[in-house]
Amino acid sequence: MGIVGRETEGLIAEGVLAIEMGALIEDLALTVHAHPTLSETEMETAEIFLGSATHILPRKTK
């Protein structure tokens, strides 16, 4: 797990826990994260991977 940025120690801790418990991407997407928080970005990233991100609008196709 590698994270770069300010105040990211909480993100690293969550990632390490996910690795230790053998979490799947679905587990990260279904975990409740407070809003608005920086840790919410890990949930959003998992949702993007699964194609169901809450705060990202789908791209328009031509």
C-alpha atoms as a PDB file:
ATOM      1  CA  MET A   1       0.000   0.000   0.000  1.00  0.00           C
ATOM      2  CA  GLY A   2       1.480   3.317  -1.020  1.00  0.00           C
ATOM      3  CA  ILE A   3      -0.132   6.708  -0.497  1.00  0.00           C
ATOM      4  CA  VAL A   4       1.318  10.159  -1.085  1.00  0.00           C
ATOM      5  CA  GLY A   5      -0.097  13.363   0.347  1.00  0.00           C
ATOM      6  CA  ARG A   6      -0.922  15.303   3.469  1.00  0.00           C
ATOM      7  CA  GLU A   7      -2.782  13.683   6.348  1.00  0.00           C
ATOM      8  CA  THR A   8      -2.804  10.257   4.707  1.00  0.00           C
ATOM      9  CA  GLU A   9      -1.850   8.167   7.733  1.00  0.00           C
ATOM     10  CA  GLY A  10      -5.497   7.119   8.177  1.00  0.00           C
ATOM     11  CA  LEU A  11      -5.661   5.959   4.581  1.00  0.00           C
ATOM     12  CA  ILE A  12      -2.546   3.842   4.996  1.00  0.00           C
ATOM     13  CA  ALA A  13      -3.922   2.272   8.182  1.00  0.00           C
ATOM     14  CA  GLU A  14      -7.156   1.322   6.412  1.00  0.00           C
ATOM     15  CA  GLY A  15      -5.255  -0.167   3.477  1.00  0.00           C
ATOM     16  CA  VAL A  16      -2.984  -2.182   5.752  1.00  0.00           C
ATOM     17  CA  LEU A  17      -6.019  -3.503   7.646  1.00  0.00           C
ATOM     18  CA  ALA A  18      -7.686  -4.476   4.360  1.00  0.00           C
ATOM     19  CA  ILE A  19      -4.568  -6.359   3.276  1.00  0.00           C
ATOM     20  CA  GLU A  20      -4.210  -8.084   6.656  1.00  0.00           C
ATOM     21  CA  MET A  21      -7.830  -9.283   6.678  1.00  0.00           C
ATOM     22  CA  GLY A  22      -7.744 -10.348   3.031  1.00  0.00           C
ATOM     23  CA  ALA A  23     -10.450  -7.875   2.046  1.00  0.00           C
ATOM     24  CA  LEU A  24     -11.809  -7.926  -1.479  1.00  0.00           C
ATOM     25  CA  ILE A  25     -12.545  -4.777  -3.487  1.00  0.00           C
ATOM     26  CA  GLU A  26     -16.244  -5.374  -2.754  1.00  0.00           C
ATOM     27  CA  ASP A  27     -15.470  -5.238   0.982  1.00  0.00           C
ATOM     28  CA  LEU A  28     -13.879  -1.802   0.600  1.00  0.00           C
ATOM     29  CA  ALA A  29     -16.772  -0.546  -1.510  1.00  0.00           C
ATOM     30  CA  LEU A  30     -19.355  -1.730   1.035  1.00  0.00           C
ATOM     31  CA  THR A  31     -17.542  -0.348   4.096  1.00  0.00           C
ATOM     32  CA  VAL A  32     -19.234   2.743   5.543  1.00  0.00           C
ATOM     33  CA  HIS A  33     -17.035   5.858   5.389  1.00  0.00           C
ATOM     34  CA  ALA A  34     -17.968   9.192   6.923  1.00  0.00           C
ATOM     35  CA  HIS A  35     -18.686  12.021   4.489  1.00  0.00           C
ATOM     36  CA  PRO A  36     -16.860  14.234   3.811  1.00  0.00           C
ATOM     37  CA  THR A  37     -13.568  12.657   4.814  1.00  0.00           C
ATOM     38  CA  LEU A  38     -10.342  11.801   3.082  1.00  0.00           C
ATOM     39  CA  SER A  39     -10.854   8.101   3.848  1.00  0.00           C
ATOM     40  CA  GLU A  40     -13.995   8.209   1.728  1.00  0.00           C
ATOM     41  CA  THR A  41     -11.712   8.306  -1.314  1.00  0.00           C
ATOM     42  CA  GLU A  42     -10.742   4.666  -0.729  1.00  0.00           C
ATOM     43  CA  MET A  43     -14.391   3.643  -0.882  1.00  0.00           C
ATOM     44  CA  GLU A  44     -14.876   5.778  -3.994  1.00  0.00           C
ATOM     45  CA  THR A  45     -11.847   4.173  -5.646  1.00  0.00           C
ATOM     46  CA  ALA A  46     -13.254   0.714  -4.975  1.00  0.00           C
ATOM     47  CA  GLU A  47     -16.604   1.811  -6.401  1.00  0.00           C
ATOM     48  CA  ILE A  48     -14.898   3.202  -9.518  1.00  0.00           C
ATOM     49  CA  PHE A  49     -13.160  -0.162  -9.974  1.00  0.00           C
ATOM     50  CA  LEU A  50     -16.552  -1.898  -9.688  1.00  0.00           C
ATOM     51  CA  GLY A  51     -18.225   0.625 -12.023  1.00  0.00           C
ATOM     52  CA  SER A  52     -20.606   2.084  -9.444  1.00  0.00           C
ATOM     53  CA  ALA A  53     -18.994   5.246  -8.007  1.00  0.00           C
ATOM     54  CA  THR A  54     -21.460   7.460  -6.158  1.00  0.00           C
ATOM     55  CA  HIS A  55     -19.799  10.812  -6.806  1.00  0.00           C
ATOM     56  CA  ILE A  56     -18.573  10.302 -10.375  1.00  0.00           C
ATOM     57  CA  LEU A  57     -20.844  10.964 -13.332  1.00  0.00           C
ATOM     58  CA  PRO A  58     -20.702   8.449 -16.171  1.00  0.00           C
ATOM     59  CA  ARG A  59     -18.998   9.597 -19.362  1.00  0.00           C
ATOM     60  CA  LYS A  60     -21.242  10.482 -22.251  1.00  0.00           C
ATOM     61  CA  THR A  61     -20.732   8.366 -25.329  1.00  0.00           C
ATOM     62  CA  LYS A  62     -20.901   9.911 -28.784  1.00  0.00           C
END
